[in-house]
mmCIF file of all heavy atoms, coordinates in Angstrom:
data_MODEL
# 
_entry.id   MODEL 
# 
loop_
_atom_site.group_PDB 
_atom_site.id 
_atom_site.type_symbol 
_atom_site.label_atom_id 
_atom_site.label_alt_id 
_atom_site.label_comp_id 
_atom_site.label_asym_id 
_atom_site.label_entity_id 
_atom_site.label_seq_id 
_atom_site.pdbx_PDB_ins_code 
_atom_site.Cartn_x 
_atom_site.Cartn_y 
_atom_site.Cartn_z 
_atom_site.occupancy 
_atom_site.B_iso_or_equiv 
_atom_site.pdbx_formal_charge 
_atom_site.auth_seq_id 
_atom_site.auth_comp_id 
_atom_site.auth_asym_id 
_atom_site.auth_atom_id 
_atom_site.pdbx_PDB_model_num 
ATOM 1   N N   . ILE A 1 1  ? -6.613  -4.585 -9.900  1.00 0.00 ? 1  ILE A N   1 
ATOM 2   C CA  . ILE A 1 1  ? -7.341  -4.728 -8.629  1.00 0.00 ? 1  ILE A CA  1 
ATOM 3   C C   . ILE A 1 1  ? -8.336  -3.591 -8.532  1.00 0.00 ? 1  ILE A C   1 
ATOM 4   O O   . ILE A 1 1  ? -8.281  -2.640 -9.291  1.00 0.00 ? 1  ILE A O   1 
ATOM 5   C CB  . ILE A 1 1  ? -6.382  -4.767 -7.412  1.00 0.00 ? 1  ILE A CB  1 
ATOM 6   C CG1 . ILE A 1 1  ? -5.493  -3.536 -7.383  1.00 0.00 ? 1  ILE A CG1 1 
ATOM 7   C CG2 . ILE A 1 1  ? -5.565  -6.022 -7.395  1.00 0.00 ? 1  ILE A CG2 1 
ATOM 8   C CD1 . ILE A 1 1  ? -4.586  -3.432 -6.161  1.00 0.00 ? 1  ILE A CD1 1 
ATOM 9   N N   . SER A 1 2  ? -9.264  -3.698 -7.583  1.00 0.00 ? 2  SER A N   1 
ATOM 10  C CA  . SER A 1 2  ? -10.279 -2.679 -7.423  1.00 0.00 ? 2  SER A CA  1 
ATOM 11  C C   . SER A 1 2  ? -9.651  -1.367 -6.939  1.00 0.00 ? 2  SER A C   1 
ATOM 12  O O   . SER A 1 2  ? -8.556  -1.332 -6.399  1.00 0.00 ? 2  SER A O   1 
ATOM 13  C CB  . SER A 1 2  ? -11.365 -3.144 -6.460  1.00 0.00 ? 2  SER A CB  1 
ATOM 14  O OG  . SER A 1 2  ? -10.835 -3.182 -5.143  1.00 0.00 ? 2  SER A OG  1 
ATOM 15  N N   . ALA A 1 3  ? -10.430 -0.279 -7.091  1.00 0.00 ? 3  ALA A N   1 
ATOM 16  C CA  . ALA A 1 3  ? -9.948  1.043  -6.653  1.00 0.00 ? 3  ALA A CA  1 
ATOM 17  C C   . ALA A 1 3  ? -9.722  1.073  -5.146  1.00 0.00 ? 3  ALA A C   1 
ATOM 18  O O   . ALA A 1 3  ? -8.775  1.693  -4.684  1.00 0.00 ? 3  ALA A O   1 
ATOM 19  C CB  . ALA A 1 3  ? -10.950 2.096  -7.068  1.00 0.00 ? 3  ALA A CB  1 
ATOM 20  N N   . ALA A 1 4  ? -10.582 0.407  -4.390  1.00 0.00 ? 4  ALA A N   1 
ATOM 21  C CA  . ALA A 1 4  ? -10.418 0.367  -2.931  1.00 0.00 ? 4  ALA A CA  1 
ATOM 22  C C   . ALA A 1 4  ? -9.136  -0.349 -2.552  1.00 0.00 ? 4  ALA A C   1 
ATOM 23  O O   . ALA A 1 4  ? -8.412  0.086  -1.640  1.00 0.00 ? 4  ALA A O   1 
ATOM 24  C CB  . ALA A 1 4  ? -11.633 -0.306 -2.291  1.00 0.00 ? 4  ALA A CB  1 
ATOM 25  N N   . GLU A 1 5  ? -8.823  -1.446 -3.235  1.00 0.00 ? 5  GLU A N   1 
ATOM 26  C CA  . GLU A 1 5  ? -7.585  -2.185 -2.953  1.00 0.00 ? 5  GLU A CA  1 
ATOM 27  C C   . GLU A 1 5  ? -6.374  -1.346 -3.336  1.00 0.00 ? 5  GLU A C   1 
ATOM 28  O O   . GLU A 1 5  ? -5.375  -1.344 -2.616  1.00 0.00 ? 5  GLU A O   1 
ATOM 29  C CB  . GLU A 1 5  ? -7.564  -3.500 -3.707  1.00 0.00 ? 5  GLU A CB  1 
ATOM 30  C CG  . GLU A 1 5  ? -8.515  -4.539 -3.153  1.00 0.00 ? 5  GLU A CG  1 
ATOM 31  C CD  . GLU A 1 5  ? -8.528  -5.811 -4.010  1.00 0.00 ? 5  GLU A CD  1 
ATOM 32  O OE1 . GLU A 1 5  ? -8.721  -5.679 -5.231  1.00 0.00 ? 5  GLU A OE1 1 
ATOM 33  O OE2 . GLU A 1 5  ? -8.306  -6.897 -3.435  1.00 0.00 ? 5  GLU A OE2 1 
ATOM 34  N N   . LYS A 1 6  ? -6.452  -0.633 -4.444  1.00 0.00 ? 6  LYS A N   1 
ATOM 35  C CA  . LYS A 1 6  ? -5.354  0.238  -4.844  1.00 0.00 ? 6  LYS A CA  1 
ATOM 36  C C   . LYS A 1 6  ? -5.110  1.306  -3.795  1.00 0.00 ? 6  LYS A C   1 
ATOM 37  O O   . LYS A 1 6  ? -3.959  1.550  -3.414  1.00 0.00 ? 6  LYS A O   1 
ATOM 38  C CB  . LYS A 1 6  ? -5.649  0.876  -6.186  1.00 0.00 ? 6  LYS A CB  1 
ATOM 39  C CG  . LYS A 1 6  ? -5.544  -0.050 -7.370  1.00 0.00 ? 6  LYS A CG  1 
ATOM 40  C CD  . LYS A 1 6  ? -5.808  0.648  -8.669  1.00 0.00 ? 6  LYS A CD  1 
ATOM 41  C CE  . LYS A 1 6  ? -5.783  -0.351 -9.815  1.00 0.00 ? 6  LYS A CE  1 
ATOM 42  N NZ  . LYS A 1 6  ? -5.955  0.259  -11.127 1.00 0.00 ? 6  LYS A NZ  1 
ATOM 43  N N   . LEU A 1 7  ? -6.187  1.931  -3.310  1.00 0.00 ? 7  LEU A N   1 
ATOM 44  C CA  . LEU A 1 7  ? -6.043  2.961  -2.303  1.00 0.00 ? 7  LEU A CA  1 
ATOM 45  C C   . LEU A 1 7  ? -5.448  2.393  -1.017  1.00 0.00 ? 7  LEU A C   1 
ATOM 46  O O   . LEU A 1 7  ? -4.566  3.000  -0.430  1.00 0.00 ? 7  LEU A O   1 
ATOM 47  C CB  . LEU A 1 7  ? -7.404  3.627  -2.047  1.00 0.00 ? 7  LEU A CB  1 
ATOM 48  C CG  . LEU A 1 7  ? -7.400  4.747  -1.019  1.00 0.00 ? 7  LEU A CG  1 
ATOM 49  C CD1 . LEU A 1 7  ? -6.531  5.901  -1.509  1.00 0.00 ? 7  LEU A CD1 1 
ATOM 50  C CD2 . LEU A 1 7  ? -8.815  5.229  -0.766  1.00 0.00 ? 7  LEU A CD2 1 
ATOM 51  N N   . LEU A 1 8  ? -5.906  1.232  -0.627  1.00 0.00 ? 8  LEU A N   1 
ATOM 52  C CA  . LEU A 1 8  ? -5.380  0.608  0.568   1.00 0.00 ? 8  LEU A CA  1 
ATOM 53  C C   . LEU A 1 8  ? -3.907  0.303  0.431   1.00 0.00 ? 8  LEU A C   1 
ATOM 54  O O   . LEU A 1 8  ? -3.110  0.610  1.341   1.00 0.00 ? 8  LEU A O   1 
ATOM 55  C CB  . LEU A 1 8  ? -6.162  -0.686 0.885   1.00 0.00 ? 8  LEU A CB  1 
ATOM 56  C CG  . LEU A 1 8  ? -5.655  -1.487 2.082   1.00 0.00 ? 8  LEU A CG  1 
ATOM 57  C CD1 . LEU A 1 8  ? -5.908  -0.705 3.356   1.00 0.00 ? 8  LEU A CD1 1 
ATOM 58  C CD2 . LEU A 1 8  ? -6.339  -2.824 2.128   1.00 0.00 ? 8  LEU A CD2 1 
ATOM 59  N N   . TRP A 1 9  ? -3.476  -0.247 -0.694  1.00 0.00 ? 9  TRP A N   1 
ATOM 60  C CA  . TRP A 1 9  ? -2.070  -0.571 -0.905  1.00 0.00 ? 9  TRP A CA  1 
ATOM 61  C C   . TRP A 1 9  ? -1.222  0.705  -0.977  1.00 0.00 ? 9  TRP A C   1 
ATOM 62  O O   . TRP A 1 9  ? -0.095  0.729  -0.501  1.00 0.00 ? 9  TRP A O   1 
ATOM 63  C CB  . TRP A 1 9  ? -1.869  -1.419 -2.138  1.00 0.00 ? 9  TRP A CB  1 
ATOM 64  C CG  . TRP A 1 9  ? -2.085  -2.877 -1.852  1.00 0.00 ? 9  TRP A CG  1 
ATOM 65  C CD1 . TRP A 1 9  ? -3.035  -3.683 -2.365  1.00 0.00 ? 9  TRP A CD1 1 
ATOM 66  C CD2 . TRP A 1 9  ? -1.329  -3.678 -0.940  1.00 0.00 ? 9  TRP A CD2 1 
ATOM 67  N NE1 . TRP A 1 9  ? -2.934  -4.941 -1.849  1.00 0.00 ? 9  TRP A NE1 1 
ATOM 68  C CE2 . TRP A 1 9  ? -1.886  -4.973 -0.976  1.00 0.00 ? 9  TRP A CE2 1 
ATOM 69  C CE3 . TRP A 1 9  ? -0.226  -3.462 -0.114  1.00 0.00 ? 9  TRP A CE3 1 
ATOM 70  C CZ2 . TRP A 1 9  ? -1.387  -6.027 -0.209  1.00 0.00 ? 9  TRP A CZ2 1 
ATOM 71  C CZ3 . TRP A 1 9  ? 0.268   -4.503 0.650   1.00 0.00 ? 9  TRP A CZ3 1 
ATOM 72  C CH2 . TRP A 1 9  ? -0.314  -5.768 0.590   1.00 0.00 ? 9  TRP A CH2 1 
ATOM 73  N N   . LEU A 1 10 ? -1.774  1.771  -1.572  1.00 0.00 ? 10 LEU A N   1 
ATOM 74  C CA  . LEU A 1 10 ? -1.025  3.024  -1.625  1.00 0.00 ? 10 LEU A CA  1 
ATOM 75  C C   . LEU A 1 10 ? -0.825  3.602  -0.221  1.00 0.00 ? 10 LEU A C   1 
ATOM 76  O O   . LEU A 1 10 ? 0.268   4.069  0.115   1.00 0.00 ? 10 LEU A O   1 
ATOM 77  C CB  . LEU A 1 10 ? -1.760  4.043  -2.507  1.00 0.00 ? 10 LEU A CB  1 
ATOM 78  C CG  . LEU A 1 10 ? -1.703  3.782  -4.002  1.00 0.00 ? 10 LEU A CG  1 
ATOM 79  C CD1 . LEU A 1 10 ? -2.623  4.760  -4.743  1.00 0.00 ? 10 LEU A CD1 1 
ATOM 80  C CD2 . LEU A 1 10 ? -0.280  3.903  -4.524  1.00 0.00 ? 10 LEU A CD2 1 
ATOM 81  N N   . VAL A 1 11 ? -1.852  3.502  0.618   1.00 0.00 ? 11 VAL A N   1 
ATOM 82  C CA  . VAL A 1 11 ? -1.717  3.989  1.983   1.00 0.00 ? 11 VAL A CA  1 
ATOM 83  C C   . VAL A 1 11 ? -0.703  3.139  2.747   1.00 0.00 ? 11 VAL A C   1 
ATOM 84  O O   . VAL A 1 11 ? 0.184   3.665  3.435   1.00 0.00 ? 11 VAL A O   1 
ATOM 85  C CB  . VAL A 1 11 ? -3.088  3.968  2.714   1.00 0.00 ? 11 VAL A CB  1 
ATOM 86  C CG1 . VAL A 1 11 ? -2.939  4.179  4.198   1.00 0.00 ? 11 VAL A CG1 1 
ATOM 87  C CG2 . VAL A 1 11 ? -3.999  5.024  2.099   1.00 0.00 ? 11 VAL A CG2 1 
ATOM 88  N N   . VAL A 1 12 ? -0.792  1.813  2.606   1.00 0.00 ? 12 VAL A N   1 
ATOM 89  C CA  . VAL A 1 12 ? 0.153   0.936  3.301   1.00 0.00 ? 12 VAL A CA  1 
ATOM 90  C C   . VAL A 1 12 ? 1.580   1.200  2.826   1.00 0.00 ? 12 VAL A C   1 
ATOM 91  O O   . VAL A 1 12 ? 2.520   1.289  3.625   1.00 0.00 ? 12 VAL A O   1 
ATOM 92  C CB  . VAL A 1 12 ? -0.222  -0.553 3.058   1.00 0.00 ? 12 VAL A CB  1 
ATOM 93  C CG1 . VAL A 1 12 ? 0.898   -1.486 3.485   1.00 0.00 ? 12 VAL A CG1 1 
ATOM 94  C CG2 . VAL A 1 12 ? -1.491  -0.901 3.794   1.00 0.00 ? 12 VAL A CG2 1 
ATOM 95  N N   . THR A 1 13 ? 1.761   1.373  1.537   1.00 0.00 ? 13 THR A N   1 
ATOM 96  C CA  . THR A 1 13 ? 3.088   1.589  0.959   1.00 0.00 ? 13 THR A CA  1 
ATOM 97  C C   . THR A 1 13 ? 3.709   2.887  1.463   1.00 0.00 ? 13 THR A C   1 
ATOM 98  O O   . THR A 1 13 ? 4.871   2.921  1.813   1.00 0.00 ? 13 THR A O   1 
ATOM 99  C CB  . THR A 1 13 ? 2.998   1.602  -0.570  1.00 0.00 ? 13 THR A CB  1 
ATOM 100 O OG1 . THR A 1 13 ? 2.495   0.362  -1.013  1.00 0.00 ? 13 THR A OG1 1 
ATOM 101 C CG2 . THR A 1 13 ? 4.372   1.836  -1.171  1.00 0.00 ? 13 THR A CG2 1 
ATOM 102 N N   . TRP A 1 14 ? 2.932   3.968  1.501   1.00 0.00 ? 14 TRP A N   1 
ATOM 103 C CA  . TRP A 1 14 ? 3.499   5.265  1.856   1.00 0.00 ? 14 TRP A CA  1 
ATOM 104 C C   . TRP A 1 14 ? 3.511   5.558  3.346   1.00 0.00 ? 14 TRP A C   1 
ATOM 105 O O   . TRP A 1 14 ? 4.396   6.242  3.818   1.00 0.00 ? 14 TRP A O   1 
ATOM 106 C CB  . TRP A 1 14 ? 2.784   6.389  1.097   1.00 0.00 ? 14 TRP A CB  1 
ATOM 107 C CG  . TRP A 1 14 ? 3.216   6.391  -0.345  1.00 0.00 ? 14 TRP A CG  1 
ATOM 108 C CD1 . TRP A 1 14 ? 2.601   5.785  -1.370  1.00 0.00 ? 14 TRP A CD1 1 
ATOM 109 C CD2 . TRP A 1 14 ? 4.391   6.998  -0.868  1.00 0.00 ? 14 TRP A CD2 1 
ATOM 110 N NE1 . TRP A 1 14 ? 3.310   5.989  -2.563  1.00 0.00 ? 14 TRP A NE1 1 
ATOM 111 C CE2 . TRP A 1 14 ? 4.409   6.724  -2.277  1.00 0.00 ? 14 TRP A CE2 1 
ATOM 112 C CE3 . TRP A 1 14 ? 5.435   7.754  -0.337  1.00 0.00 ? 14 TRP A CE3 1 
ATOM 113 C CZ2 . TRP A 1 14 ? 5.424   7.162  -3.116  1.00 0.00 ? 14 TRP A CZ2 1 
ATOM 114 C CZ3 . TRP A 1 14 ? 6.441   8.201  -1.187  1.00 0.00 ? 14 TRP A CZ3 1 
ATOM 115 C CH2 . TRP A 1 14 ? 6.434   7.904  -2.554  1.00 0.00 ? 14 TRP A CH2 1 
ATOM 116 N N   . VAL A 1 15 ? 2.553   4.997  4.102   1.00 0.00 ? 15 VAL A N   1 
ATOM 117 C CA  . VAL A 1 15 ? 2.519   5.247  5.552   1.00 0.00 ? 15 VAL A CA  1 
ATOM 118 C C   . VAL A 1 15 ? 3.547   4.382  6.255   1.00 0.00 ? 15 VAL A C   1 
ATOM 119 O O   . VAL A 1 15 ? 4.287   4.840  7.129   1.00 0.00 ? 15 VAL A O   1 
ATOM 120 C CB  . VAL A 1 15 ? 1.124   5.023  6.127   1.00 0.00 ? 15 VAL A CB  1 
ATOM 121 C CG1 . VAL A 1 15 ? 1.130   5.052  7.646   1.00 0.00 ? 15 VAL A CG1 1 
ATOM 122 C CG2 . VAL A 1 15 ? 0.160   6.084  5.597   1.00 0.00 ? 15 VAL A CG2 1 
ATOM 123 N N   . PHE A 1 16 ? 3.616   3.124  5.884   1.00 0.00 ? 16 PHE A N   1 
ATOM 124 C CA  . PHE A 1 16 ? 4.587   2.200  6.483   1.00 0.00 ? 16 PHE A CA  1 
ATOM 125 C C   . PHE A 1 16 ? 5.782   2.094  5.550   1.00 0.00 ? 16 PHE A C   1 
ATOM 126 O O   . PHE A 1 16 ? 6.089   1.048  4.996   1.00 0.00 ? 16 PHE A O   1 
ATOM 127 C CB  . PHE A 1 16 ? 3.936   0.824  6.726   1.00 0.00 ? 16 PHE A CB  1 
ATOM 128 C CG  . PHE A 1 16 ? 2.749   0.876  7.611   1.00 0.00 ? 16 PHE A CG  1 
ATOM 129 C CD1 . PHE A 1 16 ? 1.475   0.712  7.093   1.00 0.00 ? 16 PHE A CD1 1 
ATOM 130 C CD2 . PHE A 1 16 ? 2.868   1.128  8.952   1.00 0.00 ? 16 PHE A CD2 1 
ATOM 131 C CE1 . PHE A 1 16 ? 0.364   0.789  7.899   1.00 0.00 ? 16 PHE A CE1 1 
ATOM 132 C CE2 . PHE A 1 16 ? 1.786   1.184  9.798   1.00 0.00 ? 16 PHE A CE2 1 
ATOM 133 C CZ  . PHE A 1 16 ? 0.503   1.026  9.261   1.00 0.00 ? 16 PHE A CZ  1 
ATOM 134 N N   . TRP A 1 17 ? 6.479   3.216  5.392   1.00 0.00 ? 17 TRP A N   1 
ATOM 135 C CA  . TRP A 1 17 ? 7.516   3.345  4.362   1.00 0.00 ? 17 TRP A CA  1 
ATOM 136 C C   . TRP A 1 17 ? 8.653   2.335  4.445   1.00 0.00 ? 17 TRP A C   1 
ATOM 137 O O   . TRP A 1 17 ? 9.172   1.941  3.425   1.00 0.00 ? 17 TRP A O   1 
ATOM 138 C CB  . TRP A 1 17 ? 8.050   4.771  4.315   1.00 0.00 ? 17 TRP A CB  1 
ATOM 139 C CG  . TRP A 1 17 ? 8.706   5.237  5.581   1.00 0.00 ? 17 TRP A CG  1 
ATOM 140 C CD1 . TRP A 1 17 ? 8.128   5.843  6.620   1.00 0.00 ? 17 TRP A CD1 1 
ATOM 141 C CD2 . TRP A 1 17 ? 10.073  5.072  5.936   1.00 0.00 ? 17 TRP A CD2 1 
ATOM 142 N NE1 . TRP A 1 17 ? 9.015   6.109  7.604   1.00 0.00 ? 17 TRP A NE1 1 
ATOM 143 C CE2 . TRP A 1 17 ? 10.239  5.627  7.220   1.00 0.00 ? 17 TRP A CE2 1 
ATOM 144 C CE3 . TRP A 1 17 ? 11.186  4.507  5.320   1.00 0.00 ? 17 TRP A CE3 1 
ATOM 145 C CZ2 . TRP A 1 17 ? 11.454  5.642  7.878   1.00 0.00 ? 17 TRP A CZ2 1 
ATOM 146 C CZ3 . TRP A 1 17 ? 12.391  4.522  5.959   1.00 0.00 ? 17 TRP A CZ3 1 
ATOM 147 C CH2 . TRP A 1 17 ? 12.515  5.094  7.231   1.00 0.00 ? 17 TRP A CH2 1 
ATOM 148 N N   . PRO A 1 18 ? 9.069   1.860  5.637   1.00 0.00 ? 18 PRO A N   1 
ATOM 149 C CA  . PRO A 1 18 ? 10.187  0.917  5.602   1.00 0.00 ? 18 PRO A CA  1 
ATOM 150 C C   . PRO A 1 18 ? 9.799   -0.464 5.047   1.00 0.00 ? 18 PRO A C   1 
ATOM 151 O O   . PRO A 1 18 ? 10.607  -1.115 4.404   1.00 0.00 ? 18 PRO A O   1 
ATOM 152 C CB  . PRO A 1 18 ? 10.619  0.775  7.074   1.00 0.00 ? 18 PRO A CB  1 
ATOM 153 C CG  . PRO A 1 18 ? 9.963   1.893  7.794   1.00 0.00 ? 18 PRO A CG  1 
ATOM 154 C CD  . PRO A 1 18 ? 8.764   2.278  7.013   1.00 0.00 ? 18 PRO A CD  1 
ATOM 155 N N   . ILE A 1 19 ? 8.558   -0.886 5.265   1.00 0.00 ? 19 ILE A N   1 
ATOM 156 C CA  . ILE A 1 19 ? 8.164   -2.231 4.854   1.00 0.00 ? 19 ILE A CA  1 
ATOM 157 C C   . ILE A 1 19 ? 7.016   -2.265 3.875   1.00 0.00 ? 19 ILE A C   1 
ATOM 158 O O   . ILE A 1 19 ? 6.702   -3.319 3.341   1.00 0.00 ? 19 ILE A O   1 
ATOM 159 C CB  . ILE A 1 19 ? 7.835   -3.118 6.071   1.00 0.00 ? 19 ILE A CB  1 
ATOM 160 C CG1 . ILE A 1 19 ? 6.658   -2.520 6.857   1.00 0.00 ? 19 ILE A CG1 1 
ATOM 161 C CG2 . ILE A 1 19 ? 9.041   -3.322 6.963   1.00 0.00 ? 19 ILE A CG2 1 
ATOM 162 C CD1 . ILE A 1 19 ? 6.109   -3.424 7.926   1.00 0.00 ? 19 ILE A CD1 1 
ATOM 163 N N   . GLY A 1 20 ? 6.350   -1.155 3.624   1.00 0.00 ? 20 GLY A N   1 
ATOM 164 C CA  . GLY A 1 20 ? 5.195   -1.111 2.749   1.00 0.00 ? 20 GLY A CA  1 
ATOM 165 C C   . GLY A 1 20 ? 5.422   -1.674 1.367   1.00 0.00 ? 20 GLY A C   1 
ATOM 166 O O   . GLY A 1 20 ? 4.681   -2.544 0.908   1.00 0.00 ? 20 GLY A O   1 
ATOM 167 N N   . PRO A 1 21 ? 6.450   -1.227 0.651   1.00 0.00 ? 21 PRO A N   1 
ATOM 168 C CA  . PRO A 1 21 ? 6.691   -1.768 -0.698  1.00 0.00 ? 21 PRO A CA  1 
ATOM 169 C C   . PRO A 1 21 ? 6.987   -3.276 -0.676  1.00 0.00 ? 21 PRO A C   1 
ATOM 170 O O   . PRO A 1 21 ? 6.541   -4.017 -1.551  1.00 0.00 ? 21 PRO A O   1 
ATOM 171 C CB  . PRO A 1 21 ? 7.890   -0.994 -1.212  1.00 0.00 ? 21 PRO A CB  1 
ATOM 172 C CG  . PRO A 1 21 ? 7.858   0.291  -0.465  1.00 0.00 ? 21 PRO A CG  1 
ATOM 173 C CD  . PRO A 1 21 ? 7.315   -0.052 0.891   1.00 0.00 ? 21 PRO A CD  1 
ATOM 174 N N   . PHE A 1 22 ? 7.709   -3.733 0.349   1.00 0.00 ? 22 PHE A N   1 
ATOM 175 C CA  . PHE A 1 22 ? 7.998   -5.147 0.428   1.00 0.00 ? 22 PHE A CA  1 
ATOM 176 C C   . PHE A 1 22 ? 6.742   -5.952 0.696   1.00 0.00 ? 22 PHE A C   1 
ATOM 177 O O   . PHE A 1 22 ? 6.564   -7.030 0.130   1.00 0.00 ? 22 PHE A O   1 
ATOM 178 C CB  . PHE A 1 22 ? 9.027   -5.418 1.527   1.00 0.00 ? 22 PHE A CB  1 
ATOM 179 C CG  . PHE A 1 22 ? 10.365  -4.781 1.243   1.00 0.00 ? 22 PHE A CG  1 
ATOM 180 C CD1 . PHE A 1 22 ? 10.836  -3.786 2.079   1.00 0.00 ? 22 PHE A CD1 1 
ATOM 181 C CD2 . PHE A 1 22 ? 11.129  -5.153 0.175   1.00 0.00 ? 22 PHE A CD2 1 
ATOM 182 C CE1 . PHE A 1 22 ? 12.065  -3.182 1.817   1.00 0.00 ? 22 PHE A CE1 1 
ATOM 183 C CE2 . PHE A 1 22 ? 12.339  -4.572 -0.090  1.00 0.00 ? 22 PHE A CE2 1 
ATOM 184 C CZ  . PHE A 1 22 ? 12.823  -3.574 0.734   1.00 0.00 ? 22 PHE A CZ  1 
ATOM 185 N N   . LEU A 1 23 ? 5.852   -5.436 1.533   1.00 0.00 ? 23 LEU A N   1 
ATOM 186 C CA  . LEU A 1 23 ? 4.587   -6.114 1.783   1.00 0.00 ? 23 LEU A CA  1 
ATOM 187 C C   . LEU A 1 23 ? 3.766   -6.227 0.509   1.00 0.00 ? 23 LEU A C   1 
ATOM 188 O O   . LEU A 1 23 ? 3.187   -7.270 0.228   1.00 0.00 ? 23 LEU A O   1 
ATOM 189 C CB  . LEU A 1 23 ? 3.769   -5.373 2.852   1.00 0.00 ? 23 LEU A CB  1 
ATOM 190 C CG  . LEU A 1 23 ? 4.287   -5.499 4.287   1.00 0.00 ? 23 LEU A CG  1 
ATOM 191 C CD1 . LEU A 1 23 ? 3.450   -4.612 5.212   1.00 0.00 ? 23 LEU A CD1 1 
ATOM 192 C CD2 . LEU A 1 23 ? 4.246   -6.931 4.745   1.00 0.00 ? 23 LEU A CD2 1 
ATOM 193 N N   . TYR A 1 24 ? 3.726   -5.153 -0.267  1.00 0.00 ? 24 TYR A N   1 
ATOM 194 C CA  . TYR A 1 24 ? 2.977   -5.194 -1.516  1.00 0.00 ? 24 TYR A CA  1 
ATOM 195 C C   . TYR A 1 24 ? 3.580   -6.219 -2.478  1.00 0.00 ? 24 TYR A C   1 
ATOM 196 O O   . TYR A 1 24 ? 2.868   -6.992 -3.100  1.00 0.00 ? 24 TYR A O   1 
ATOM 197 C CB  . TYR A 1 24 ? 2.926   -3.828 -2.181  1.00 0.00 ? 24 TYR A CB  1 
ATOM 198 C CG  . TYR A 1 24 ? 2.272   -3.892 -3.540  1.00 0.00 ? 24 TYR A CG  1 
ATOM 199 C CD1 . TYR A 1 24 ? 0.926   -4.099 -3.663  1.00 0.00 ? 24 TYR A CD1 1 
ATOM 200 C CD2 . TYR A 1 24 ? 3.020   -3.794 -4.701  1.00 0.00 ? 24 TYR A CD2 1 
ATOM 201 C CE1 . TYR A 1 24 ? 0.311   -4.200 -4.899  1.00 0.00 ? 24 TYR A CE1 1 
ATOM 202 C CE2 . TYR A 1 24 ? 2.431   -3.881 -5.938  1.00 0.00 ? 24 TYR A CE2 1 
ATOM 203 C CZ  . TYR A 1 24 ? 1.063   -4.098 -6.029  1.00 0.00 ? 24 TYR A CZ  1 
ATOM 204 O OH  . TYR A 1 24 ? 0.476   -4.198 -7.269  1.00 0.00 ? 24 TYR A OH  1 
# 
């Protein structure tokens, strides 16, 4: 995926820690 999408998913994963990995 693009670098912007990677950054967005990394932020979602680490900021919303209880559900971020599941969302990804």
